[in-house]
Amino acid sequence: MIAATRAAGEGPFPPSHLAQPGPARPERHLAAAGRPLHARFGLEPGRTLLDAVTGPLAAQGMRGGVVHLHGGSFDPFAYVMPALSSDGVHAAWYSETYRPAGETRLEAATATFGERDGAPFLHVHGVWVEPDGRRRGGHLLPAEVVVRAPCEAEAWGTAEAAWRVEPDAETNFPLFTPASLGGDGGSVLLKVQPNEELFAAVEAACAGRSIRVARLRGLGSLVRPVFADGRMVPTEASELFIRDGSVGPGEDGRPRAAIDIAVVDVDGAIHEGPLQRGSNAVCITCELHLEVVE
């Protein structure tokens, strides 16, 4: 899918919106926090992506966090891409499952780490190169992906708050939702609801917690993503991960976010770069982590 472009001087696109099947949740963003945990480790070949990532984090006591993955390869490999929904029950859905034959090389991915039905679970978006040389992106199926060559992982999270998969009536999806385990601190799990402008939600969450400076990581989906250079991706469904994100004081002293992403559209095209502040509404969810600096 080719991105539309707004000429310089025309101003930003207003955020697009996508009607959801259920009632809007009163809380438009949800957060839970705890004392920070950090881990670096390699993924063990021969294990599924799910086990290779969740095992070391669960052993450390982490209950919720974000994981960056770089390099390595996988075989077998399985994923889906974003798709429009025609079932009348969801606003967006997934493509068929793709299973490229041979070794797939990972470029980069981000995973939300938490739990589903009491067991460790991952939600993973990434970009990779398939055996035929094509660069693709989307939503990995971690229980069906097996590590072939070692992959480097770095995780940020906490033992005092958890990501738990819970029903979300607004979207009709089971979604990772922050759950407080009685702690507080500089590791913040943040979920943003559909049709909320991403920058506004992040900045409001930081202001509400008196966060001045933070590193922002995570993944999610946007409706018609808009980039700072004027590109707009004309797709209601997307899968993204944050390549680089931060929050710092703006000229008025209030929190101001900067977010650089990679996003795949319904045609499988990958779009990358800094997002336009004020122009990007969440499609289904954004699962974010704030590493508080001050």
Protein backbone atom coordinates (compact mmCIF):
# COMPACT_ATOMS: atom_id res chain seq x y z
CA MET A 1 0.00 0.00 0.00
CA ILE A 2 1.40 3.40 -1.02
CA ALA A 3 1.38 6.08 1.67
CA ALA A 4 -0.44 9.31 0.90
CA THR A 5 1.52 12.52 1.45
CA ARG A 6 0.40 15.94 2.64
CA ALA A 7 2.36 18.83 1.15
CA ALA A 8 4.56 20.93 3.39
CA GLY A 9 2.67 23.76 5.04
CA GLU A 10 -0.73 22.09 4.94
CA GLY A 11 -0.53 21.12 8.60
CA PRO A 12 -0.92 17.64 10.15
CA PHE A 13 -3.63 15.15 9.32
CA PRO A 14 -6.28 15.00 12.06
CA PRO A 15 -6.33 11.59 13.79
CA SER A 16 -8.53 9.01 12.06
CA HIS A 17 -10.97 6.87 14.01
CA LEU A 18 -12.39 3.36 13.66
CA ALA A 19 -15.78 2.43 15.11
CA GLN A 20 -15.53 -0.36 17.67
CA PRO A 21 -18.23 -2.99 18.32
CA GLY A 22 -18.58 -2.48 22.06
CA PRO A 23 -19.10 0.33 24.56
CA ALA A 24 -16.13 2.60 25.17
CA ARG A 25 -14.30 1.87 28.40
CA PRO A 26 -14.54 4.86 30.77
CA GLU A 27 -10.79 4.78 31.44
CA ARG A 28 -9.07 5.72 28.17
CA HIS A 29 -5.68 4.60 29.32
CA LEU A 30 -4.75 2.18 32.10
CA ALA A 31 -1.48 1.91 33.98
CA ALA A 32 0.23 -0.08 36.71
CA ALA A 33 3.78 0.30 37.98
CA GLY A 34 6.50 -1.23 40.10
CA ARG A 35 10.20 -1.17 40.82
CA PRO A 36 12.24 -1.73 37.65
CA LEU A 37 13.78 -5.00 36.52
CA HIS A 38 16.16 -5.27 33.56
CA ALA A 39 17.55 -8.33 31.78
CA ARG A 40 19.80 -9.18 28.83
CA PHE A 41 20.04 -12.73 27.50
CA GLY A 42 20.37 -14.83 24.38
CA LEU A 43 17.57 -17.01 23.06
CA GLU A 44 18.46 -20.69 23.17
CA PRO A 45 18.32 -22.47 19.78
CA GLY A 46 15.82 -25.30 19.54
CA ARG A 47 13.26 -23.68 21.84
CA THR A 48 10.09 -21.94 20.79
CA LEU A 49 10.18 -18.17 20.85
CA LEU A 50 7.58 -18.29 23.62
CA ASP A 51 9.66 -20.52 25.88
CA ALA A 52 13.02 -18.95 25.01
CA VAL A 53 11.81 -15.49 26.05
CA THR A 54 9.42 -16.19 28.90
CA GLY A 55 11.59 -18.74 30.72
CA PRO A 56 14.42 -16.38 31.71
CA LEU A 57 12.02 -13.54 32.56
CA ALA A 58 9.76 -15.70 34.72
CA ALA A 59 12.84 -17.07 36.49
CA GLN A 60 13.84 -13.49 37.34
CA GLY A 61 10.39 -12.85 38.81
CA MET A 62 9.22 -10.40 36.15
CA ARG A 63 5.43 -10.30 35.77
CA GLY A 64 5.05 -7.61 33.12
CA GLY A 65 7.38 -5.90 30.72
CA VAL A 66 8.62 -5.27 27.21
CA VAL A 67 11.29 -7.19 25.30
CA HIS A 68 13.46 -6.03 22.38
CA LEU A 69 14.72 -8.79 20.06
CA HIS A 70 17.53 -8.37 17.52
CA GLY A 71 19.27 -10.68 15.07
CA GLY A 72 19.23 -14.44 14.97
CA SER A 73 17.04 -16.66 12.85
CA PHE A 74 14.01 -18.94 13.15
CA ASP A 75 12.80 -22.14 11.51
CA PRO A 76 9.93 -22.94 11.51
CA PHE A 77 8.43 -19.46 11.42
CA ALA A 78 4.76 -18.41 11.52
CA TYR A 79 3.02 -15.05 11.48
CA VAL A 80 -0.09 -13.11 10.52
CA MET A 81 -0.54 -9.61 9.14
CA PRO A 82 -3.26 -7.05 9.90
CA ALA A 83 -6.51 -7.34 7.97
CA LEU A 84 -9.91 -5.74 7.85
CA SER A 85 -12.77 -7.59 9.52
CA SER A 86 -15.98 -8.71 7.87
CA ASP A 87 -17.43 -10.69 10.79
CA GLY A 88 -19.41 -7.81 12.30
CA VAL A 89 -17.87 -8.65 15.68
CA HIS A 90 -14.46 -6.94 15.40
CA ALA A 91 -13.29 -3.69 13.85
CA ALA A 92 -10.11 -5.32 12.54
CA TRP A 93 -8.75 -8.86 12.26
CA TYR A 94 -5.81 -10.92 11.03
CA SER A 95 -4.73 -12.37 7.71
CA GLU A 96 -4.27 -16.06 7.07
CA THR A 97 -1.23 -17.61 8.76
CA TYR A 98 1.99 -17.45 6.73
CA ARG A 99 4.65 -20.15 7.19
CA PRO A 100 7.67 -19.45 4.97
CA ALA A 101 9.72 -22.59 4.29
CA GLY A 102 13.31 -22.35 5.48
CA GLU A 103 15.28 -20.07 7.76
CA THR A 104 13.87 -16.59 8.46
CA ARG A 105 16.31 -13.94 9.69
CA LEU A 106 15.04 -11.51 12.31
CA GLU A 107 15.81 -7.84 11.89
CA ALA A 108 14.05 -6.52 15.01
CA ALA A 109 10.97 -7.23 17.09
CA THR A 110 9.25 -6.05 20.24
CA ALA A 111 7.30 -8.30 22.59
CA THR A 112 4.92 -7.59 25.44
CA PHE A 113 5.61 -10.08 28.25
CA GLY A 114 2.85 -11.07 30.65
CA GLU A 115 0.46 -13.90 31.36
CA ARG A 116 -2.60 -15.55 29.89
CA ASP A 117 -4.68 -18.01 31.91
CA GLY A 118 -1.96 -18.01 34.56
CA ALA A 119 0.85 -19.01 32.18
CA PRO A 120 3.59 -16.81 30.68
CA PHE A 121 2.60 -15.30 27.33
CA LEU A 122 3.97 -13.00 24.62
CA HIS A 123 2.52 -10.59 22.07
CA VAL A 124 5.16 -9.99 19.37
CA HIS A 125 5.42 -7.59 16.40
CA GLY A 126 8.51 -7.45 14.22
CA VAL A 127 10.30 -7.10 10.90
CA TRP A 128 12.31 -9.91 9.29
CA VAL A 129 13.76 -11.25 6.03
CA GLU A 130 12.25 -14.46 4.66
CA PRO A 131 14.20 -17.21 2.85
CA ASP A 132 13.30 -15.73 -0.55
CA GLY A 133 14.88 -12.41 0.47
CA ARG A 134 11.63 -10.52 1.01
CA ARG A 135 11.51 -8.13 3.97
CA ARG A 136 8.20 -8.62 5.76
CA GLY A 137 6.55 -7.62 9.03
CA GLY A 138 3.61 -8.46 11.24
CA HIS A 139 2.44 -10.39 14.29
CA LEU A 140 4.53 -13.44 15.18
CA LEU A 141 2.97 -16.61 16.61
CA PRO A 142 5.51 -17.28 19.39
CA ALA A 143 4.40 -20.82 20.24
CA GLU A 144 4.97 -21.86 16.60
CA VAL A 145 8.28 -20.05 15.98
CA VAL A 146 11.48 -21.96 16.83
CA VAL A 147 14.88 -20.35 17.43
CA ARG A 148 17.45 -21.53 14.85
CA ALA A 149 20.41 -19.17 15.44
CA PRO A 150 20.88 -17.23 18.69
CA CYS A 151 18.90 -14.01 19.04
CA GLU A 152 19.70 -11.24 21.51
CA ALA A 153 16.99 -10.13 23.94
CA GLU A 154 16.79 -7.14 26.27
CA ALA A 155 13.85 -6.69 28.64
CA TRP A 156 12.51 -3.99 30.93
CA GLY A 157 9.73 -4.68 33.40
CA THR A 158 8.72 -5.26 36.98
CA ALA A 159 7.67 -7.92 39.46
CA GLU A 160 5.14 -5.57 41.07
CA ALA A 161 2.75 -5.14 38.13
CA ALA A 162 1.61 -7.60 35.49
CA TRP A 163 0.32 -7.66 31.95
CA ARG A 164 -2.69 -10.01 32.03
CA VAL A 165 -4.79 -11.03 29.04
CA GLU A 166 -8.37 -10.04 29.87
CA PRO A 167 -11.57 -9.62 27.82
CA ASP A 168 -11.92 -6.12 26.36
CA ALA A 169 -15.62 -5.37 25.76
CA GLU A 170 -14.85 -2.32 23.63
CA THR A 171 -13.01 -4.31 20.95
CA ASN A 172 -14.25 -7.88 21.58
CA PHE A 173 -10.62 -9.01 21.81
CA PRO A 174 -8.76 -10.60 24.72
CA LEU A 175 -6.02 -8.03 25.34
CA PHE A 176 -3.06 -7.50 27.62
CA THR A 177 -4.21 -5.21 30.45
CA PRO A 178 -2.05 -3.77 33.27
CA ALA A 179 -2.71 -5.22 36.72
CA SER A 180 -1.27 -3.74 39.89
CA LEU A 181 0.33 -6.21 42.30
CA GLY A 182 0.59 -3.66 45.08
CA GLY A 183 3.77 -1.91 44.03
CA ASP A 184 4.76 1.39 42.49
CA GLY A 185 7.91 2.77 40.96
CA GLY A 186 9.76 3.64 37.79
CA SER A 187 8.61 0.78 35.55
CA VAL A 188 5.16 1.64 34.16
CA LEU A 189 2.91 -0.65 32.11
CA LEU A 190 0.53 1.48 30.02
CA LYS A 191 -2.40 0.39 27.83
CA VAL A 192 -4.06 2.89 25.50
CA GLN A 193 -7.66 2.29 24.39
CA PRO A 194 -8.99 2.54 20.81
CA ASN A 195 -9.41 5.92 19.10
CA GLU A 196 -7.25 7.69 21.68
CA GLU A 197 -4.51 9.85 20.15
CA LEU A 198 -1.29 8.06 21.03
CA PHE A 199 0.87 11.07 21.90
CA ALA A 200 -1.88 12.67 23.98
CA ALA A 201 -2.42 9.46 25.96
CA VAL A 202 1.28 8.96 26.69
CA GLU A 203 1.74 12.58 27.70
CA ALA A 204 -1.37 12.52 29.91
CA ALA A 205 -0.20 9.35 31.63
CA CYS A 206 3.19 10.93 32.30
CA ALA A 207 1.66 14.15 33.59
CA GLY A 208 -0.63 12.17 35.89
CA ARG A 209 2.37 10.40 37.42
CA SER A 210 4.65 13.47 37.48
CA ILE A 211 7.02 11.81 35.00
CA ARG A 212 9.29 14.38 33.31
CA VAL A 213 11.68 12.14 31.39
CA ALA A 214 11.20 8.53 30.29
CA ARG A 215 12.11 5.96 27.67
CA LEU A 216 9.07 4.67 25.78
CA ARG A 217 8.87 1.16 24.31
CA GLY A 218 6.06 -1.06 23.10
CA LEU A 219 3.78 -2.17 20.29
CA GLY A 220 0.21 -1.88 19.06
CA SER A 221 -1.87 -0.66 16.15
CA LEU A 222 -2.93 2.67 14.67
CA VAL A 223 -5.71 3.86 12.37
CA ARG A 224 -4.15 5.39 9.23
CA PRO A 225 -0.71 6.10 10.72
CA VAL A 226 0.68 9.57 9.98
CA PHE A 227 4.41 10.30 9.91
CA ALA A 228 6.18 13.54 10.73
CA ASP A 229 7.30 13.95 7.11
CA GLY A 230 3.67 14.06 5.92
CA ARG A 231 3.18 10.44 4.86
CA MET A 232 -0.16 8.87 5.77
CA VAL A 233 -0.75 5.11 5.44
CA PRO A 234 -4.38 4.70 4.25
CA THR A 235 -5.17 1.52 6.19
CA GLU A 236 -7.58 1.10 9.10
CA ALA A 237 -5.68 -1.94 10.42
CA SER A 238 -1.95 -2.06 11.15
CA GLU A 239 0.67 -3.74 13.33
CA LEU A 240 3.51 -1.63 14.75
CA PHE A 241 6.37 -1.62 17.17
CA ILE A 242 8.25 1.37 18.55
CA ARG A 243 11.83 1.58 17.28
CA ASP A 244 12.70 4.59 19.42
CA GLY A 245 10.51 6.43 21.90
CA SER A 246 11.03 9.05 24.57
CA VAL A 247 9.27 11.58 26.75
CA GLY A 248 10.81 14.86 27.87
CA PRO A 249 9.70 18.35 28.88
CA GLY A 250 8.39 20.54 26.07
CA GLU A 251 8.83 24.30 25.84
CA ASP A 252 5.95 24.71 28.29
CA GLY A 253 7.50 22.23 30.72
CA ARG A 254 4.80 19.62 30.16
CA PRO A 255 5.62 16.06 29.01
CA ARG A 256 6.14 15.78 25.27
CA ALA A 257 6.58 12.44 23.49
CA ALA A 258 8.65 11.50 20.44
CA ILE A 259 7.81 8.16 18.78
CA ASP A 260 9.55 6.41 15.87
CA ILE A 261 7.91 3.21 14.59
CA ALA A 262 7.95 0.43 12.03
CA VAL A 263 4.41 -0.49 10.91
CA VAL A 264 3.02 -3.03 8.45
CA ASP A 265 -0.22 -2.38 6.56
CA VAL A 266 -2.89 -4.77 5.25
CA ASP A 267 -0.96 -5.26 1.99
CA GLY A 268 2.23 -6.25 3.81
CA ALA A 269 4.10 -3.02 3.06
CA ILE A 270 6.40 -1.74 5.81
CA HIS A 271 6.47 1.96 6.68
CA GLU A 272 9.03 3.47 9.06
CA GLY A 273 9.91 6.75 10.71
CA PRO A 274 8.93 9.30 13.36
CA LEU A 275 5.19 9.75 13.88
CA GLN A 276 3.35 13.07 13.69
CA ARG A 277 2.31 14.23 17.15
CA GLY A 278 -1.46 14.76 17.40
CA SER A 279 -2.38 12.73 14.29
CA ASN A 280 -2.32 9.07 15.39
CA ALA A 281 -5.29 7.33 16.98
CA VAL A 282 -5.02 3.80 18.37
CA CYS A 283 -6.79 1.09 16.36
CA ILE A 284 -7.25 -1.81 18.83
CA THR A 285 -4.64 -1.27 21.55
CA CYS A 286 -1.17 0.00 22.31
CA GLU A 287 0.81 -1.88 24.97
CA LEU A 288 3.54 0.43 26.21
CA HIS A 289 6.29 0.52 28.80
CA LEU A 290 7.69 3.66 30.38
CA GLU A 291 11.16 3.44 31.90
CA VAL A 292 11.14 6.49 34.16
CA VAL A 293 14.34 8.53 34.15
CA GLU A 294 13.09 11.45 36.26
